[in-house]
Amino acid sequence: MNLFRVFIAGFAMANSIVVAAQGKVTDPVVCKADPAQSYALYIPVKGNAAAMPVVYFFDPHGSGSLPLNKYRQLAETYGFILVGSNNSKNGNDWSATEKVWQSLATDTKSRLKIDAGRVYTCGFSGGAKVASFVAIQHPG
């Protein structure tokens, strides 16, 4: 009986982030598999049960919420999920960048309904280098 309650509570917490994030930037969302990694998340209010496209943002200062606050109105209008890394920043080497991407991709794909054919990366300055690296290394 107690195991059942733990399962239900864990399920509710894992799914609560999706409900809590609709229409506002939620920051931080801590990655389940690697608690050292986190991100900001925006899910449009008019998000539906169908899979939605996603834009992963990489800010050169490691501020995941900065680009999400700038682009959330566009995300709302066009129905995009926005994810901004809090760990990707100038000065990281490529192995650290790869680790950030793997954590982001794994965590968001496990929590959200993402349209696998519409996954985009975006960044400014050093974040653009990261976005390009991810796009080149992971063309899917």
Protein backbone atom coordinates (compact mmCIF):
# COMPACT_ATOMS: atom_id res chain seq x y z
CA MET A 1 0.00 0.00 0.00
CA ASN A 2 2.77 2.48 0.89
CA LEU A 3 4.63 1.64 -2.32
CA PHE A 4 1.48 2.47 -4.27
CA ARG A 5 1.23 5.88 -2.56
CA VAL A 6 4.89 6.61 -3.30
CA PHE A 7 4.34 5.70 -6.96
CA ILE A 8 1.27 7.96 -7.25
CA ALA A 9 3.04 10.85 -5.49
CA GLY A 10 6.09 10.45 -7.73
CA PHE A 11 3.90 10.35 -10.84
CA ALA A 12 2.06 13.49 -9.77
CA MET A 13 5.31 15.37 -9.10
CA ALA A 14 6.84 14.31 -12.42
CA ASN A 15 3.79 15.53 -14.31
CA SER A 16 3.13 18.64 -12.22
CA ILE A 17 5.90 20.55 -13.99
CA VAL A 18 3.93 20.42 -17.24
CA VAL A 19 0.80 21.83 -15.62
CA ALA A 20 2.70 24.42 -13.56
CA ALA A 21 4.66 25.69 -16.55
CA GLN A 22 1.74 26.37 -18.88
CA GLY A 23 1.64 30.08 -19.70
CA LYS A 24 4.61 31.10 -17.55
CA VAL A 25 8.34 30.57 -17.41
CA THR A 26 9.21 27.93 -14.82
CA ASP A 27 12.80 28.13 -13.62
CA PRO A 28 14.54 26.02 -12.55
CA VAL A 29 13.42 22.61 -13.69
CA VAL A 30 16.00 20.16 -12.34
CA CYS A 31 16.93 17.22 -14.57
CA LYS A 32 15.85 13.92 -13.01
CA ALA A 33 18.93 11.95 -14.08
CA ASP A 34 21.47 14.70 -13.26
CA PRO A 35 20.39 17.16 -10.52
CA ALA A 36 23.41 19.36 -11.33
CA GLN A 37 21.69 20.25 -14.63
CA SER A 38 18.64 22.50 -14.86
CA TYR A 39 16.68 24.53 -17.35
CA ALA A 40 13.90 27.07 -17.71
CA LEU A 41 10.69 25.88 -19.36
CA TYR A 42 7.80 27.60 -21.15
CA ILE A 43 4.74 25.69 -22.35
CA PRO A 44 2.04 27.68 -24.16
CA VAL A 45 -1.34 28.00 -22.46
CA LYS A 46 -3.02 26.74 -25.59
CA GLY A 47 -0.73 23.73 -25.65
CA ASN A 48 -2.71 20.64 -26.48
CA ALA A 49 -2.42 16.91 -26.05
CA ALA A 50 -0.59 16.59 -29.38
CA ALA A 51 3.20 16.71 -29.61
CA MET A 52 4.51 20.26 -30.02
CA PRO A 53 7.67 21.69 -31.58
CA VAL A 54 10.46 22.79 -29.24
CA VAL A 55 13.21 25.39 -29.32
CA TYR A 56 16.24 24.78 -27.09
CA PHE A 57 17.97 28.04 -26.11
CA PHE A 58 21.60 28.41 -25.08
CA ASP A 59 22.47 31.70 -23.39
CA PRO A 60 26.17 32.62 -23.12
CA HIS A 61 25.66 33.52 -19.43
CA GLY A 62 23.81 30.33 -18.46
CA SER A 63 20.50 32.16 -17.95
CA GLY A 64 17.82 29.83 -19.26
CA SER A 65 14.93 32.16 -18.49
CA LEU A 66 16.37 35.20 -20.31
CA PRO A 67 15.60 34.05 -23.88
CA LEU A 68 12.33 32.41 -22.80
CA ASN A 69 11.00 35.68 -21.41
CA LYS A 70 11.94 37.40 -24.67
CA TYR A 71 10.29 34.82 -26.94
CA ARG A 72 7.36 33.47 -24.91
CA GLN A 73 4.77 35.59 -26.75
CA LEU A 74 5.91 34.12 -30.08
CA ALA A 75 5.83 30.65 -28.54
CA GLU A 76 2.28 31.28 -27.38
CA THR A 77 1.19 32.55 -30.79
CA TYR A 78 2.73 29.66 -32.75
CA GLY A 79 2.48 26.82 -30.21
CA PHE A 80 6.14 26.10 -29.42
CA ILE A 81 7.66 24.75 -26.22
CA LEU A 82 10.72 26.75 -25.12
CA VAL A 83 13.60 25.27 -23.11
CA GLY A 84 16.56 27.34 -21.88
CA SER A 85 19.67 25.74 -20.40
CA ASN A 86 20.95 27.08 -17.09
CA ASN A 87 24.24 25.20 -17.48
CA SER A 88 25.38 26.09 -20.97
CA LYS A 89 27.59 29.17 -20.84
CA ASN A 90 30.74 30.69 -22.25
CA GLY A 91 33.86 28.86 -21.10
CA ASN A 92 32.43 25.34 -21.19
CA ASP A 93 34.44 22.86 -23.25
CA TRP A 94 32.76 20.67 -25.86
CA SER A 95 32.48 17.65 -23.57
CA ALA A 96 30.62 19.79 -21.01
CA THR A 97 28.42 21.12 -23.82
CA GLU A 98 27.61 17.57 -24.92
CA LYS A 99 26.71 16.64 -21.33
CA VAL A 100 24.40 19.67 -21.07
CA TRP A 101 22.67 18.69 -24.32
CA GLN A 102 22.26 15.05 -23.33
CA SER A 103 20.73 16.03 -19.99
CA LEU A 104 18.37 18.56 -21.60
CA ALA A 105 17.26 16.26 -24.39
CA THR A 106 16.75 13.22 -22.17
CA ASP A 107 14.86 15.10 -19.47
CA THR A 108 12.57 17.10 -21.74
CA LYS A 109 11.73 14.11 -23.94
CA SER A 110 10.78 12.12 -20.85
CA ARG A 111 8.51 14.87 -19.47
CA LEU A 112 7.01 16.56 -22.51
CA LYS A 113 5.22 15.63 -25.72
CA ILE A 114 7.74 16.87 -28.28
CA ASP A 115 7.31 16.67 -32.05
CA ALA A 116 10.58 14.87 -32.92
CA GLY A 117 10.46 16.29 -36.46
CA ARG A 118 10.42 19.90 -35.19
CA VAL A 119 13.32 20.28 -32.77
CA TYR A 120 15.28 23.54 -33.04
CA THR A 121 18.29 25.11 -31.33
CA CYS A 122 18.93 28.80 -30.84
CA GLY A 123 21.51 31.00 -29.17
CA PHE A 124 23.22 34.37 -29.15
CA SER A 125 26.99 34.87 -29.31
CA GLY A 126 28.61 31.93 -27.45
CA GLY A 127 25.15 30.38 -27.20
CA ALA A 128 24.94 30.38 -31.01
CA LYS A 129 28.12 28.31 -31.10
CA VAL A 130 26.49 25.81 -28.75
CA ALA A 131 23.27 25.76 -30.78
CA SER A 132 25.29 25.11 -33.96
CA PHE A 133 27.35 22.40 -32.24
CA VAL A 134 24.20 20.59 -31.10
CA ALA A 135 22.57 20.88 -34.53
CA ILE A 136 25.67 19.52 -36.28
CA GLN A 137 26.39 16.73 -33.79
CA HIS A 138 22.73 15.66 -33.47
CA PRO A 139 21.05 16.20 -36.85
CA GLY A 140 17.94 14.26 -35.77
